[in-house]
Amino acid sequence: MKKKLAIMLIAISLFSSFYVSAAAVELASEDPANAEERAEEVMWFYRNYNGRLQKRLWSVTYGKWLTDWEYC
């Protein structure tokens, strides 16, 4: 069970990192003259730390962490 959870978390984090990279490229390529106001995009990242699941919030819009690691 732990092995399946670890594999799932790794897959999610890999997929998420590709998504963040694609979103950053998309935002950087926009023309500032045509930029619209948008809501901030955020993403949760998960990890297994000392056998317990933790999560942390990432701002896709600003490219920075919004929270520290917290237990789920």
N, C-alpha and C. Protein backbone atom coordinates (compact mmCIF):
# COMPACT_ATOMS: atom_id res chain seq x y z
N MET A 1 0.83 -1.19 0.00
CA MET A 1 0.00 0.00 0.00
C MET A 1 0.87 1.25 0.00
N LYS A 2 1.91 1.27 0.84
CA LYS A 2 2.79 2.43 0.90
C LYS A 2 3.53 2.63 -0.42
N LYS A 3 3.88 1.49 -1.05
CA LYS A 3 4.60 1.58 -2.31
C LYS A 3 3.71 2.19 -3.40
N LYS A 4 2.44 1.80 -3.43
CA LYS A 4 1.50 2.36 -4.40
C LYS A 4 1.30 3.86 -4.15
N LEU A 5 1.19 4.25 -2.89
CA LEU A 5 1.01 5.66 -2.53
C LEU A 5 2.23 6.46 -2.95
N ALA A 6 3.42 5.93 -2.70
CA ALA A 6 4.65 6.62 -3.07
C ALA A 6 4.74 6.80 -4.58
N ILE A 7 4.41 5.76 -5.33
CA ILE A 7 4.44 5.83 -6.80
C ILE A 7 3.43 6.86 -7.29
N MET A 8 2.25 6.85 -6.69
CA MET A 8 1.22 7.81 -7.09
C MET A 8 1.68 9.25 -6.81
N LEU A 9 2.27 9.50 -5.65
CA LEU A 9 2.74 10.84 -5.31
C LEU A 9 3.86 11.30 -6.23
N ILE A 10 4.75 10.38 -6.58
CA ILE A 10 5.83 10.72 -7.51
C ILE A 10 5.25 11.07 -8.88
N ALA A 11 4.30 10.29 -9.34
CA ALA A 11 3.68 10.56 -10.64
C ALA A 11 2.98 11.91 -10.64
N ILE A 12 2.27 12.21 -9.56
CA ILE A 12 1.57 13.50 -9.47
C ILE A 12 2.56 14.65 -9.46
N SER A 13 3.64 14.51 -8.71
CA SER A 13 4.61 15.60 -8.64
C SER A 13 5.32 15.80 -9.98
N LEU A 14 5.62 14.71 -10.70
CA LEU A 14 6.24 14.85 -12.02
C LEU A 14 5.28 15.53 -12.99
N PHE A 15 4.04 15.10 -13.00
CA PHE A 15 3.05 15.71 -13.88
C PHE A 15 2.88 17.19 -13.52
N SER A 16 2.84 17.49 -12.24
CA SER A 16 2.65 18.86 -11.79
C SER A 16 3.81 19.75 -12.20
N SER A 17 5.02 19.23 -12.13
CA SER A 17 6.18 20.04 -12.51
C SER A 17 6.15 20.37 -14.00
N PHE A 18 5.69 19.44 -14.84
CA PHE A 18 5.56 19.74 -16.26
C PHE A 18 4.48 20.79 -16.48
N TYR A 19 3.40 20.70 -15.72
CA TYR A 19 2.32 21.68 -15.85
C TYR A 19 2.80 23.07 -15.45
N VAL A 20 3.55 23.16 -14.37
CA VAL A 20 4.06 24.46 -13.91
C VAL A 20 4.98 25.05 -14.96
N SER A 21 5.85 24.25 -15.57
CA SER A 21 6.76 24.75 -16.60
C SER A 21 5.99 25.27 -17.80
N ALA A 22 4.99 24.53 -18.22
CA ALA A 22 4.19 24.94 -19.38
C ALA A 22 3.42 26.22 -19.07
N ALA A 23 2.90 26.34 -17.86
CA ALA A 23 2.15 27.53 -17.49
C ALA A 23 3.07 28.75 -17.44
N ALA A 24 4.30 28.58 -16.96
CA ALA A 24 5.25 29.69 -16.89
C ALA A 24 5.62 30.18 -18.29
N VAL A 25 5.81 29.25 -19.22
CA VAL A 25 6.13 29.62 -20.59
C VAL A 25 4.95 30.36 -21.21
N GLU A 26 3.75 29.88 -20.95
CA GLU A 26 2.55 30.52 -21.50
C GLU A 26 2.41 31.94 -20.98
N LEU A 27 2.61 32.15 -19.67
CA LEU A 27 2.48 33.48 -19.09
C LEU A 27 3.57 34.41 -19.59
N ALA A 28 4.78 33.90 -19.78
CA ALA A 28 5.89 34.73 -20.23
C ALA A 28 5.72 35.17 -21.68
N SER A 29 5.00 34.39 -22.47
CA SER A 29 4.87 34.71 -23.89
C SER A 29 3.71 35.66 -24.19
N GLU A 30 2.93 36.04 -23.19
CA GLU A 30 1.81 36.94 -23.43
C GLU A 30 2.30 38.35 -23.70
N ASP A 31 1.58 39.05 -24.54
CA ASP A 31 1.87 40.45 -24.83
C ASP A 31 1.32 41.31 -23.70
N PRO A 32 2.16 42.11 -23.03
CA PRO A 32 1.68 42.91 -21.90
C PRO A 32 0.57 43.88 -22.28
N ALA A 33 0.54 44.32 -23.53
CA ALA A 33 -0.50 45.25 -23.96
C ALA A 33 -1.87 44.58 -23.97
N ASN A 34 -1.89 43.26 -24.18
CA ASN A 34 -3.16 42.52 -24.24
C ASN A 34 -3.43 41.73 -22.98
N ALA A 35 -2.65 41.96 -21.94
CA ALA A 35 -2.80 41.18 -20.71
C ALA A 35 -4.12 41.53 -20.01
N GLU A 36 -4.77 40.52 -19.50
CA GLU A 36 -6.02 40.71 -18.76
C GLU A 36 -5.76 40.40 -17.30
N GLU A 37 -6.61 40.95 -16.43
CA GLU A 37 -6.51 40.59 -15.02
C GLU A 37 -7.02 39.18 -14.86
N ARG A 38 -6.29 38.39 -14.09
CA ARG A 38 -6.66 37.00 -13.88
C ARG A 38 -6.58 36.67 -12.40
N ALA A 39 -7.30 35.64 -12.03
CA ALA A 39 -7.20 35.12 -10.66
C ALA A 39 -5.87 34.38 -10.53
N GLU A 40 -5.33 34.38 -9.34
CA GLU A 40 -4.08 33.68 -9.09
C GLU A 40 -4.29 32.17 -9.23
N GLU A 41 -3.37 31.52 -9.94
CA GLU A 41 -3.43 30.07 -10.09
C GLU A 41 -2.52 29.44 -9.04
N VAL A 42 -3.04 28.45 -8.33
CA VAL A 42 -2.27 27.77 -7.29
C VAL A 42 -2.35 26.26 -7.51
N MET A 43 -1.37 25.55 -6.93
CA MET A 43 -1.29 24.10 -7.04
C MET A 43 -0.84 23.52 -5.72
N TRP A 44 -1.40 22.40 -5.33
CA TRP A 44 -0.95 21.70 -4.13
C TRP A 44 0.08 20.66 -4.53
N PHE A 45 1.18 20.59 -3.79
CA PHE A 45 2.19 19.55 -3.94
C PHE A 45 2.15 18.67 -2.70
N TYR A 46 2.34 17.38 -2.90
CA TYR A 46 2.26 16.41 -1.80
C TYR A 46 3.56 15.64 -1.69
N ARG A 47 3.89 15.23 -0.46
CA ARG A 47 5.06 14.38 -0.24
C ARG A 47 4.81 13.51 0.98
N ASN A 48 5.56 12.43 1.03
CA ASN A 48 5.52 11.53 2.18
C ASN A 48 6.76 11.81 3.01
N TYR A 49 6.58 12.34 4.22
CA TYR A 49 7.68 12.73 5.07
C TYR A 49 7.59 11.97 6.39
N ASN A 50 8.58 11.15 6.68
CA ASN A 50 8.59 10.31 7.89
C ASN A 50 7.32 9.47 8.01
N GLY A 51 6.85 8.97 6.89
CA GLY A 51 5.68 8.10 6.89
C GLY A 51 4.35 8.83 6.97
N ARG A 52 4.36 10.15 6.93
CA ARG A 52 3.11 10.91 7.00
C ARG A 52 3.01 11.82 5.78
N LEU A 53 1.80 11.98 5.28
CA LEU A 53 1.55 12.78 4.08
C LEU A 53 1.53 14.26 4.43
N GLN A 54 2.26 15.07 3.61
CA GLN A 54 2.27 16.51 3.79
C GLN A 54 1.89 17.18 2.48
N LYS A 55 1.44 18.45 2.59
CA LYS A 55 1.10 19.21 1.39
C LYS A 55 1.65 20.62 1.52
N ARG A 56 1.85 21.27 0.35
CA ARG A 56 2.37 22.64 0.31
C ARG A 56 1.76 23.34 -0.89
N LEU A 57 1.40 24.59 -0.73
CA LEU A 57 0.72 25.34 -1.78
C LEU A 57 1.72 26.17 -2.57
N TRP A 58 1.66 26.03 -3.91
CA TRP A 58 2.55 26.73 -4.83
C TRP A 58 1.74 27.71 -5.67
N SER A 59 2.22 28.93 -5.84
CA SER A 59 1.58 29.91 -6.70
C SER A 59 2.15 29.78 -8.10
N VAL A 60 1.34 29.31 -9.02
CA VAL A 60 1.77 29.19 -10.42
C VAL A 60 1.94 30.59 -11.00
N THR A 61 1.10 31.51 -10.60
CA THR A 61 1.12 32.87 -11.12
C THR A 61 2.42 33.59 -10.77
N TYR A 62 2.83 33.52 -9.50
CA TYR A 62 3.99 34.26 -9.04
C TYR A 62 5.25 33.42 -8.91
N GLY A 63 5.13 32.10 -9.04
CA GLY A 63 6.29 31.21 -8.98
C GLY A 63 6.95 31.16 -7.61
N LYS A 64 6.13 31.07 -6.56
CA LYS A 64 6.70 30.98 -5.21
C LYS A 64 5.78 30.16 -4.32
N TRP A 65 6.36 29.65 -3.22
CA TRP A 65 5.59 28.89 -2.24
C TRP A 65 4.73 29.84 -1.44
N LEU A 66 3.48 29.46 -1.19
CA LEU A 66 2.57 30.27 -0.39
C LEU A 66 2.45 29.76 1.04
N THR A 67 2.76 28.48 1.25
CA THR A 67 2.67 27.89 2.59
C THR A 67 3.90 27.05 2.87
N ASP A 68 4.09 26.72 4.13
CA ASP A 68 5.10 25.73 4.52
C ASP A 68 4.49 24.35 4.36
N TRP A 69 5.31 23.30 4.51
CA TRP A 69 4.78 21.94 4.48
C TRP A 69 3.89 21.76 5.68
N GLU A 70 2.68 21.23 5.46
CA GLU A 70 1.75 20.96 6.56
C GLU A 70 1.20 19.55 6.41
N TYR A 71 0.90 18.92 7.54
CA TYR A 71 0.38 17.56 7.52
C TYR A 71 -1.07 17.56 7.06
N CYS A 72 -1.41 16.54 6.27
CA CYS A 72 -2.79 16.39 5.78
C CYS A 72 -3.66 15.71 6.83
